[in-house]
């Protein structure tokens, strides 16, 4: 079962007591998900206005986008290692990805209409903002049995990702451009044995991961002024022509981003602690945080509150607010209140297996 499809331990079906089920669940993946979804919230909060007012915020934004999406996709692939799709896994795609995608597409469309005064426009073909990850994850899960049964699947995925950038017909419909561009990270995650990830949790590799992240942060801080605004290749959504580069430069840029993204992903996985804490349950509920935080971030932006962020202390407050929002949206009360939206029961629709 893949990354965002994993339910919090307290809602898992089990004949054992809840405490026993919680004790047997490895907290490390949930801790990783907490860090990554927190970075998603932070990245969406650091608006272009903040980046223009505070140069170091621009560096922070670019640093986060170098790896947080690749890391999410890698981890999703790692937890979707099945080489064939069972009827139950297909039903999971419907109930945990496609149904929430439909529900939140409508909800966000209604909210946009209320704010702008325009008519409600529901577009399921071109995912709005953060919702792209749900159809993308469904696409990767459907492609996994094909790719994982090929020889050299990572090499093939990289070739597909690089080649797709040359095709202008691969667009944003059903987030197809991102599906193919980020495919190498998903396949890389699916092909990485759990034993390899356990090696990352050794002290030596944890120190190495922290050093790599520190060096990357310094490099971005030094070089970020050469990048104008949010660097488009980091969104993985445009072909090379749309980026105004030739095929050779486009391939080399995307290949470099694959290498940097993979290295920083492994480094982040290495530094995340493996012990269980009160925050671990929030990571297990990462889908709630992911789907709900957009309402808060857009509301804050609409009221113009982010325009007051013009100094590094103010940026630090924004970072703290992003952390607090992440923890709040993944809390038990919010999960209970919003579960019908995030995890709808579709027994009336799906055949009993």
Protein backbone atom coordinates (compact mmCIF):
# COMPACT_ATOMS: atom_id res chain seq x y z
CA UNK A 1 0.00 0.00 0.00
CA UNK A 2 1.49 3.28 -0.99
CA UNK A 3 2.47 6.31 0.97
CA UNK A 4 -0.62 8.46 1.31
CA UNK A 5 -2.90 5.44 1.29
CA UNK A 6 -1.65 4.14 4.61
CA UNK A 7 -4.16 4.74 7.34
CA UNK A 8 -3.22 5.94 10.80
CA UNK A 9 -2.49 3.03 13.09
CA UNK A 10 -5.47 3.81 15.29
CA UNK A 11 -7.89 3.14 12.43
CA UNK A 12 -6.29 -0.03 11.09
CA UNK A 13 -8.40 -3.16 11.13
CA UNK A 14 -6.99 -5.65 13.52
CA UNK A 15 -8.17 -8.27 15.95
CA UNK A 16 -5.45 -7.24 18.37
CA UNK A 17 -5.85 -4.35 20.78
CA UNK A 18 -5.14 -0.93 19.30
CA UNK A 19 -2.13 -0.47 21.53
CA UNK A 20 -0.57 -3.70 20.27
CA UNK A 21 -1.18 -2.74 16.64
CA UNK A 22 0.39 0.65 17.26
CA UNK A 23 3.43 -0.94 18.86
CA UNK A 24 4.07 -3.21 15.86
CA UNK A 25 3.95 -0.40 13.29
CA UNK A 26 7.38 0.97 12.45
CA UNK A 27 7.24 4.69 13.33
CA UNK A 28 10.02 5.71 10.95
CA UNK A 29 7.93 5.88 7.73
CA UNK A 30 5.31 7.94 9.56
CA UNK A 31 8.00 10.29 10.87
CA UNK A 32 9.31 10.68 7.32
CA UNK A 33 5.83 11.45 6.03
CA UNK A 34 5.39 14.06 8.75
CA UNK A 35 8.58 15.84 7.69
CA UNK A 36 7.68 15.69 4.01
CA UNK A 37 4.08 16.85 4.34
CA UNK A 38 5.29 19.62 6.64
CA UNK A 39 7.64 20.74 3.87
CA UNK A 40 4.71 20.69 1.44
CA UNK A 41 2.77 23.03 3.72
CA UNK A 42 5.81 25.27 4.12
CA UNK A 43 6.47 25.38 0.38
CA UNK A 44 2.88 26.37 -0.33
CA UNK A 45 3.05 29.07 2.34
CA UNK A 46 6.21 30.75 1.07
CA UNK A 47 4.51 32.91 -1.53
CA UNK A 48 6.31 34.71 -4.33
CA UNK A 49 5.83 37.98 -2.45
CA UNK A 50 7.66 36.61 0.56
CA UNK A 51 10.47 35.33 -1.65
CA UNK A 52 10.86 38.74 -3.27
CA UNK A 53 10.89 40.55 0.08
CA UNK A 54 13.23 38.17 1.87
CA UNK A 55 15.99 36.66 -0.32
CA UNK A 56 16.77 33.93 2.20
CA UNK A 57 13.13 32.81 1.97
CA UNK A 58 13.66 32.36 -1.76
CA UNK A 59 16.67 30.17 -1.01
CA UNK A 60 14.63 28.15 1.49
CA UNK A 61 11.87 27.68 -1.08
CA UNK A 62 14.25 26.40 -3.75
CA UNK A 63 16.01 24.12 -1.28
CA UNK A 64 12.73 22.52 -0.23
CA UNK A 65 11.58 22.02 -3.83
CA UNK A 66 14.81 20.30 -4.78
CA UNK A 67 13.80 17.20 -2.85
CA UNK A 68 10.44 17.25 -1.09
CA UNK A 69 8.39 16.20 -4.13
CA UNK A 70 10.96 13.57 -5.27
CA UNK A 71 11.11 12.23 -1.70
CA UNK A 72 7.33 11.93 -1.48
CA UNK A 73 7.21 10.09 -4.81
CA UNK A 74 10.12 7.83 -3.82
CA UNK A 75 8.44 6.84 -0.57
CA UNK A 76 5.12 6.31 -2.36
CA UNK A 77 6.86 3.92 -4.74
CA UNK A 78 8.57 2.10 -1.90
CA UNK A 79 5.21 1.30 -0.32
CA UNK A 80 3.70 0.28 -3.66
CA UNK A 81 6.01 -2.56 -4.54
CA UNK A 82 3.37 -5.01 -5.81
CA UNK A 83 4.12 -6.43 -9.25
CA UNK A 84 0.47 -7.07 -9.91
CA UNK A 85 -2.78 -5.31 -9.08
CA UNK A 86 -5.32 -7.20 -7.02
CA UNK A 87 -9.04 -6.33 -6.92
CA UNK A 88 -8.54 -5.02 -3.39
CA UNK A 89 -5.72 -2.70 -4.43
CA UNK A 90 -7.87 -1.36 -7.28
CA UNK A 91 -10.68 -0.67 -4.83
CA UNK A 92 -8.15 1.12 -2.61
CA UNK A 93 -7.24 3.38 -5.52
CA UNK A 94 -10.90 4.27 -5.95
CA UNK A 95 -11.68 4.87 -2.28
CA UNK A 96 -8.41 6.46 -1.13
CA UNK A 97 -7.37 8.42 -4.22
CA UNK A 98 -10.05 8.91 -6.86
CA UNK A 99 -12.95 9.53 -4.48
CA UNK A 100 -11.04 12.14 -2.40
CA UNK A 101 -9.84 13.69 -5.65
CA UNK A 102 -13.45 14.14 -6.79
CA UNK A 103 -14.60 15.40 -3.39
CA UNK A 104 -11.81 17.94 -2.91
CA UNK A 105 -11.92 19.11 -6.52
CA UNK A 106 -15.52 20.11 -5.89
CA UNK A 107 -14.79 21.62 -2.46
CA UNK A 108 -11.90 23.73 -3.71
CA UNK A 109 -13.94 24.84 -6.73
CA UNK A 110 -16.77 25.98 -4.45
CA UNK A 111 -14.35 27.85 -2.19
CA UNK A 112 -12.73 29.59 -5.18
CA UNK A 113 -16.16 30.63 -6.44
CA UNK A 114 -17.11 32.05 -3.04
CA UNK A 115 -13.89 34.05 -2.85
CA UNK A 116 -13.83 35.34 -6.44
CA UNK A 117 -17.57 35.70 -7.01
CA UNK A 118 -17.32 33.61 -10.19
CA UNK A 119 -19.33 30.56 -11.09
CA UNK A 120 -18.32 27.18 -9.70
CA UNK A 121 -16.06 25.49 -12.24
CA UNK A 122 -15.20 21.87 -11.57
CA UNK A 123 -12.33 20.60 -13.72
CA UNK A 124 -11.42 16.97 -13.17
CA UNK A 125 -9.18 16.80 -16.23
CA UNK A 126 -6.69 19.49 -15.20
CA UNK A 127 -6.05 19.04 -11.45
CA UNK A 128 -6.06 22.26 -9.45
CA UNK A 129 -2.90 23.17 -7.52
CA UNK A 130 -2.09 20.57 -4.86
CA UNK A 131 -4.66 18.02 -6.06
CA UNK A 132 -2.36 16.84 -8.85
CA UNK A 133 -0.70 14.31 -6.56
CA UNK A 134 -3.81 12.12 -6.23
CA UNK A 135 -4.29 11.26 -9.93
CA UNK A 136 -0.51 11.07 -10.31
CA UNK A 137 -0.26 8.50 -7.53
CA UNK A 138 -3.12 6.54 -9.07
CA UNK A 139 -1.28 6.60 -12.41
CA UNK A 140 1.97 5.39 -10.88
CA UNK A 141 0.19 2.58 -9.07
CA UNK A 142 -1.43 1.46 -12.31
CA UNK A 143 1.90 1.58 -14.15
CA UNK A 144 3.87 -0.18 -11.41
CA UNK A 145 2.99 -3.78 -12.39
CA UNK A 146 4.14 -3.08 -15.96
CA UNK A 147 7.37 -1.30 -15.10
CA UNK A 148 8.41 -3.57 -12.24
CA UNK A 149 8.20 -6.61 -14.51
CA UNK A 150 10.64 -5.14 -17.02
CA UNK A 151 14.39 -5.50 -17.06
CA UNK A 152 16.20 -2.40 -15.74
CA UNK A 153 12.99 -0.59 -14.76
CA UNK A 154 14.82 2.40 -13.26
CA UNK A 155 16.79 2.95 -16.46
CA UNK A 156 13.64 2.69 -18.53
CA UNK A 157 11.81 5.12 -16.23
CA UNK A 158 14.65 7.63 -16.50
CA UNK A 159 14.63 7.32 -20.30
CA UNK A 160 10.86 7.86 -20.37
CA UNK A 161 11.11 10.85 -18.05
CA UNK A 162 13.87 12.47 -20.10
CA UNK A 163 12.23 11.72 -23.43
CA UNK A 164 8.81 12.96 -22.39
CA UNK A 165 10.23 16.44 -21.93
CA UNK A 166 10.79 16.60 -25.67
CA UNK A 167 7.09 16.04 -26.43
CA UNK A 168 4.90 19.11 -26.32
CA UNK A 169 1.78 16.95 -26.40
CA UNK A 170 2.44 15.67 -22.89
CA UNK A 171 0.55 18.31 -20.95
CA UNK A 172 -1.19 18.89 -17.65
CA UNK A 173 -4.30 16.86 -18.43
CA UNK A 174 -4.68 14.28 -15.66
CA UNK A 175 -1.21 15.53 -14.56
CA UNK A 176 0.33 13.30 -17.23
CA UNK A 177 3.45 15.49 -17.53
CA UNK A 178 4.24 15.01 -13.84
CA UNK A 179 3.46 11.31 -13.94
CA UNK A 180 6.13 10.68 -16.57
CA UNK A 181 8.63 13.28 -15.31
CA UNK A 182 8.60 11.96 -11.74
CA UNK A 183 8.28 8.31 -12.73
CA UNK A 184 11.98 7.53 -12.04
CA UNK A 185 11.60 8.45 -8.36
CA UNK A 186 8.55 6.20 -8.00
CA UNK A 187 10.29 3.25 -9.68
CA UNK A 188 13.49 3.90 -7.72
CA UNK A 189 11.48 3.74 -4.51
CA UNK A 190 9.67 0.59 -5.59
CA UNK A 191 12.95 -1.12 -6.49
CA UNK A 192 14.70 -0.16 -3.23
CA UNK A 193 14.62 -3.10 -0.79
CA UNK A 194 13.58 -2.32 2.80
CA UNK A 195 16.98 -3.58 3.94
CA UNK A 196 18.66 -0.74 2.02
CA UNK A 197 16.51 1.84 3.76
CA UNK A 198 17.36 0.29 7.11
CA UNK A 199 21.01 0.93 6.31
CA UNK A 200 20.22 4.64 6.03
CA UNK A 201 19.27 4.63 9.68
CA UNK A 202 22.78 3.77 10.83
CA UNK A 203 24.72 6.46 12.63
CA UNK A 204 27.34 6.82 9.91
CA UNK A 205 24.85 7.37 7.11
CA UNK A 206 22.76 9.66 9.30
CA UNK A 207 25.77 11.91 9.78
CA UNK A 208 26.55 11.72 6.05
CA UNK A 209 22.94 12.62 5.21
CA UNK A 210 23.03 15.64 7.50
CA UNK A 211 26.29 16.77 5.89
CA UNK A 212 24.85 16.44 2.38
CA UNK A 213 21.76 18.45 3.33
CA UNK A 214 23.89 21.14 4.96
CA UNK A 215 26.13 21.43 1.89
CA UNK A 216 23.11 21.58 -0.41
CA UNK A 217 21.52 24.30 1.73
CA UNK A 218 24.71 26.37 1.61
CA UNK A 219 24.98 25.90 -2.16
CA UNK A 220 21.39 27.04 -2.67
CA UNK A 221 21.92 30.02 -0.37
CA UNK A 222 24.93 31.08 -2.42
CA UNK A 223 23.44 30.45 -5.86
CA UNK A 224 19.72 31.21 -5.46
CA UNK A 225 20.08 34.81 -6.67
CA UNK A 226 20.83 33.44 -10.15
CA UNK A 227 17.34 31.93 -10.30
CA UNK A 228 14.43 34.24 -11.04
CA UNK A 229 11.49 33.36 -8.80
CA UNK A 230 10.24 29.78 -8.58
CA UNK A 231 12.40 27.79 -10.99
CA UNK A 232 9.96 26.08 -13.34
CA UNK A 233 11.87 22.76 -13.78
CA UNK A 234 11.34 22.07 -10.05
CA UNK A 235 7.60 21.73 -10.65
CA UNK A 236 8.11 18.86 -13.15
CA UNK A 237 5.14 20.05 -15.18
CA UNK A 238 6.59 21.57 -18.38
CA UNK A 239 8.22 20.21 -21.50
CA UNK A 240 11.57 21.60 -22.59
CA UNK A 241 10.03 23.92 -25.18
CA UNK A 242 7.78 25.49 -22.53
CA UNK A 243 10.89 26.05 -20.41
CA UNK A 244 12.49 27.85 -23.38
CA UNK A 245 15.44 25.47 -23.56
CA UNK A 246 16.63 23.08 -26.25
CA UNK A 247 16.42 19.30 -25.99
CA UNK A 248 20.04 18.88 -24.91
CA UNK A 249 19.86 21.49 -22.15
CA UNK A 250 16.47 20.20 -21.07
CA UNK A 251 17.70 16.61 -20.80
CA UNK A 252 20.83 17.60 -18.90
CA UNK A 253 18.84 19.81 -16.51
CA UNK A 254 16.27 17.13 -15.77
CA UNK A 255 18.98 14.48 -15.42
CA UNK A 256 20.79 16.71 -12.91
CA UNK A 257 17.54 17.19 -10.99
CA UNK A 258 17.07 13.42 -10.92
CA UNK A 259 20.53 12.98 -9.40
CA UNK A 260 20.19 15.82 -6.90
CA UNK A 261 16.65 14.80 -5.98
CA UNK A 262 17.69 11.18 -5.37
CA UNK A 263 20.71 12.17 -3.28
CA UNK A 264 18.79 14.64 -1.14
CA UNK A 265 15.89 12.19 -0.77
CA UNK A 266 18.18 9.53 0.65
CA UNK A 267 19.79 12.16 2.88
CA UNK A 268 16.43 13.25 4.29
CA UNK A 269 15.43 9.64 4.89
CA UNK A 270 18.70 9.12 6.75
CA UNK A 271 18.31 12.04 9.16
CA UNK A 272 14.68 11.48 10.15
CA UNK A 273 14.60 9.79 13.58
CA UNK A 274 13.12 6.34 13.90
CA UNK A 275 11.72 6.59 17.44
CA UNK A 276 8.01 6.89 18.13
CA UNK A 277 6.75 10.21 19.42
CA UNK A 278 3.47 12.02 19.84
CA UNK A 279 4.02 13.48 16.38
CA UNK A 280 4.19 10.07 14.67
CA UNK A 281 0.40 9.77 14.39
CA UNK A 282 0.33 13.03 12.42
CA UNK A 283 2.67 11.51 9.84
CA UNK A 284 0.37 8.51 9.56
CA UNK A 285 -2.42 10.98 8.70
CA UNK A 286 -0.40 12.81 6.04
CA UNK A 287 -3.24 12.63 3.51
CA UNK A 288 -5.41 14.73 5.82
CA UNK A 289 -2.74 17.39 6.13
CA UNK A 290 -2.08 17.37 2.40
CA UNK A 291 -5.69 17.79 1.33
CA UNK A 292 -6.81 20.23 4.03
CA UNK A 293 -3.95 22.70 4.29
CA UNK A 294 -4.78 24.37 1.00
CA UNK A 295 -7.95 25.88 2.46
CA UNK A 296 -6.00 27.55 5.26
CA UNK A 297 -3.09 28.70 3.10
CA UNK A 298 -5.38 30.22 0.47
CA UNK A 299 -7.53 31.91 3.12
CA UNK A 300 -4.47 33.48 4.72
CA UNK A 301 -3.17 34.62 1.34
CA UNK A 302 -6.56 36.02 0.34
CA UNK A 303 -6.69 38.19 3.46
CA UNK A 304 -3.30 39.61 2.57
CA UNK A 305 -1.61 38.44 5.75
CA UNK A 306 1.46 37.18 3.89
CA UNK A 307 2.14 40.69 2.55
CA UNK A 308 3.38 41.61 6.03
CA UNK A 309 6.16 39.03 5.87
CA UNK A 310 9.07 41.25 4.89
CA UNK A 311 11.88 40.17 7.23
CA UNK A 312 13.62 36.99 8.28
CA UNK A 313 12.01 36.99 11.78
CA UNK A 314 8.64 37.14 10.06
CA UNK A 315 9.67 34.25 7.82
CA UNK A 316 10.61 32.30 10.94
CA UNK A 317 7.07 32.90 12.21
CA UNK A 318 5.71 31.59 8.92
CA UNK A 319 7.83 28.45 9.29
CA UNK A 320 6.51 27.99 12.83
CA UNK A 321 2.95 28.52 11.62
CA UNK A 322 3.43 25.91 8.88
CA UNK A 323 4.64 23.41 11.49
CA UNK A 324 1.69 24.21 13.76
CA UNK A 325 -0.77 23.89 10.88
CA UNK A 326 0.70 20.52 9.93
CA UNK A 327 0.33 19.19 13.47
CA UNK A 328 -3.17 20.60 13.85
CA UNK A 329 -4.55 19.18 10.60
CA UNK A 330 -3.15 15.75 11.42
CA UNK A 331 -4.58 15.73 14.93
CA UNK A 332 -7.21 13.24 16.04
CA UNK A 333 -10.10 15.76 16.32
CA UNK A 334 -9.54 17.03 12.77
CA UNK A 335 -9.27 13.47 11.46
CA UNK A 336 -12.55 12.49 13.09
CA UNK A 337 -14.31 15.55 11.73
CA UNK A 338 -13.06 15.25 8.16
CA UNK A 339 -12.81 11.48 7.75
CA UNK A 340 -15.98 11.24 5.59
CA UNK A 341 -14.28 13.57 3.09
CA UNK A 342 -10.73 12.19 3.17
CA UNK A 343 -11.59 8.52 3.65
CA UNK A 344 -15.15 8.13 2.36
CA UNK A 345 -16.88 4.81 2.88
CA UNK A 346 -17.80 3.39 -0.50
CA UNK A 347 -19.38 0.11 0.50
CA UNK A 348 -22.47 1.21 -1.39
CA UNK A 349 -20.40 1.51 -4.58
CA UNK A 350 -17.69 -1.14 -4.42
CA UNK A 351 -18.26 -4.86 -4.61
CA UNK A 352 -17.48 -6.79 -1.43
CA UNK A 353 -14.37 -8.95 -1.87
